[in-house]
Amino acid sequence: MTTLGLLGSLGPLEIGAILLVGILLFGKRLPEVGRGLGKSIVEFKKGLKDVTDEIDEASSQAKSLPKEAEAAPKPIADSQPETTVSRSDPVSS
């Protein structure tokens, strides 16, 4: 028996009824429908694999960032005192 979320258990009678409805609805086009469904599942899996590959790549790059940051040269502290710039032009009113 197969359990599907809220539908509960599907017995052989229910599965047979679903197949009968499928045959009545699609008739001779049933192989084409099955082929199209199979292709769409394959495309979905490819897209899902691409997304997981991108996530894995981004996470591996994120893990390598702290190591690169530790190896980077540290900035030199300012040893000169701050100077203020005074404005010598008169302000015209």
Protein backbone atom coordinates (compact mmCIF):
# COMPACT_ATOMS: atom_id res chain seq x y z
CA MET A 1 0.00 0.00 0.00
CA THR A 2 1.09 3.54 -0.74
CA THR A 3 0.56 6.39 1.72
CA LEU A 4 0.13 9.87 0.26
CA GLY A 5 -0.10 12.66 2.85
CA LEU A 6 -3.72 13.60 3.42
CA LEU A 7 -5.15 11.01 1.03
CA GLY A 8 -4.39 8.11 3.34
CA SER A 9 -3.67 4.64 2.02
CA LEU A 10 -4.39 3.77 -1.59
CA GLY A 11 -5.48 0.20 -2.06
CA PRO A 12 -5.54 -1.81 -5.29
CA LEU A 13 -9.15 -0.79 -5.99
CA GLU A 14 -8.33 2.94 -5.77
CA ILE A 15 -5.21 2.59 -7.91
CA GLY A 16 -7.24 0.64 -10.51
CA ALA A 17 -9.92 3.35 -10.54
CA ILE A 18 -7.26 6.05 -11.08
CA LEU A 19 -5.74 4.06 -13.96
CA LEU A 20 -9.18 3.51 -15.52
CA VAL A 21 -9.96 7.24 -15.37
CA GLY A 22 -6.55 7.96 -16.92
CA ILE A 23 -7.20 5.54 -19.77
CA LEU A 24 -10.67 6.97 -20.38
CA LEU A 25 -9.43 10.55 -20.40
CA PHE A 26 -6.30 10.12 -22.49
CA GLY A 27 -7.06 6.98 -24.53
CA LYS A 28 -4.57 6.49 -27.35
CA ARG A 29 -2.59 9.56 -26.24
CA LEU A 30 -1.62 7.87 -22.96
CA PRO A 31 1.91 6.92 -24.17
CA GLU A 32 2.48 10.52 -25.31
CA VAL A 33 1.24 11.84 -21.97
CA GLY A 34 3.53 9.42 -20.11
CA ARG A 35 6.48 10.39 -22.28
CA GLY A 36 5.81 14.09 -21.71
CA LEU A 37 5.46 13.52 -17.97
CA GLY A 38 8.75 11.61 -17.94
CA LYS A 39 10.53 14.41 -19.82
CA SER A 40 9.16 17.03 -17.45
CA ILE A 41 10.35 15.02 -14.44
CA VAL A 42 13.83 14.71 -15.97
CA GLU A 43 13.95 18.48 -16.65
CA PHE A 44 12.80 19.20 -13.11
CA LYS A 45 15.55 16.98 -11.69
CA LYS A 46 18.16 18.70 -13.89
CA GLY A 47 17.01 22.12 -12.70
CA LEU A 48 17.03 20.96 -9.10
CA LYS A 49 20.56 19.58 -9.53
CA ASP A 50 21.72 22.89 -11.03
CA VAL A 51 20.31 24.80 -8.07
CA THR A 52 21.92 22.46 -5.53
CA ASP A 53 25.24 22.69 -7.39
CA GLU A 54 25.10 26.50 -7.22
CA ILE A 55 24.29 26.36 -3.51
CA ASP A 56 27.17 23.94 -2.87
CA GLU A 57 29.56 26.14 -4.85
CA ALA A 58 28.49 29.27 -2.98
CA SER A 59 28.84 27.56 0.39
CA SER A 60 32.31 26.25 -0.47
CA GLN A 61 33.34 29.76 -1.53
CA ALA A 62 31.92 31.17 1.70
CA LYS A 63 33.88 28.63 3.74
CA SER A 64 37.11 29.63 1.99
CA LEU A 65 36.62 33.38 2.60
CA PRO A 66 37.77 33.48 6.25
CA LYS A 67 41.01 31.70 5.35
CA GLU A 68 41.70 34.27 2.63
CA ALA A 69 40.85 37.12 5.00
CA GLU A 70 43.36 35.85 7.57
CA ALA A 71 46.08 35.68 4.93
CA ALA A 72 45.38 39.20 3.66
CA PRO A 73 47.76 41.95 4.79
CA LYS A 74 46.50 44.04 7.67
CA PRO A 75 46.00 47.78 7.13
CA ILE A 76 48.65 50.11 8.49
CA ALA A 77 47.42 52.24 11.39
CA ASP A 78 47.58 55.99 10.89
CA SER A 79 50.62 57.25 12.79
CA GLN A 80 50.11 60.88 11.78
CA PRO A 81 47.87 63.09 13.88
CA GLU A 82 44.74 64.41 12.25
CA THR A 83 45.08 67.91 10.84
CA THR A 84 42.28 70.35 10.44
CA VAL A 85 42.00 72.40 7.31
CA SER A 86 41.08 76.00 7.85
CA ARG A 87 39.35 77.97 5.19
CA SER A 88 41.17 81.17 4.35
CA ASP A 89 38.73 82.58 1.76
CA PRO A 90 36.29 85.09 3.03
CA VAL A 91 32.69 84.15 2.68
CA SER A 92 30.81 86.64 0.52
CA SER A 93 27.42 87.69 1.73
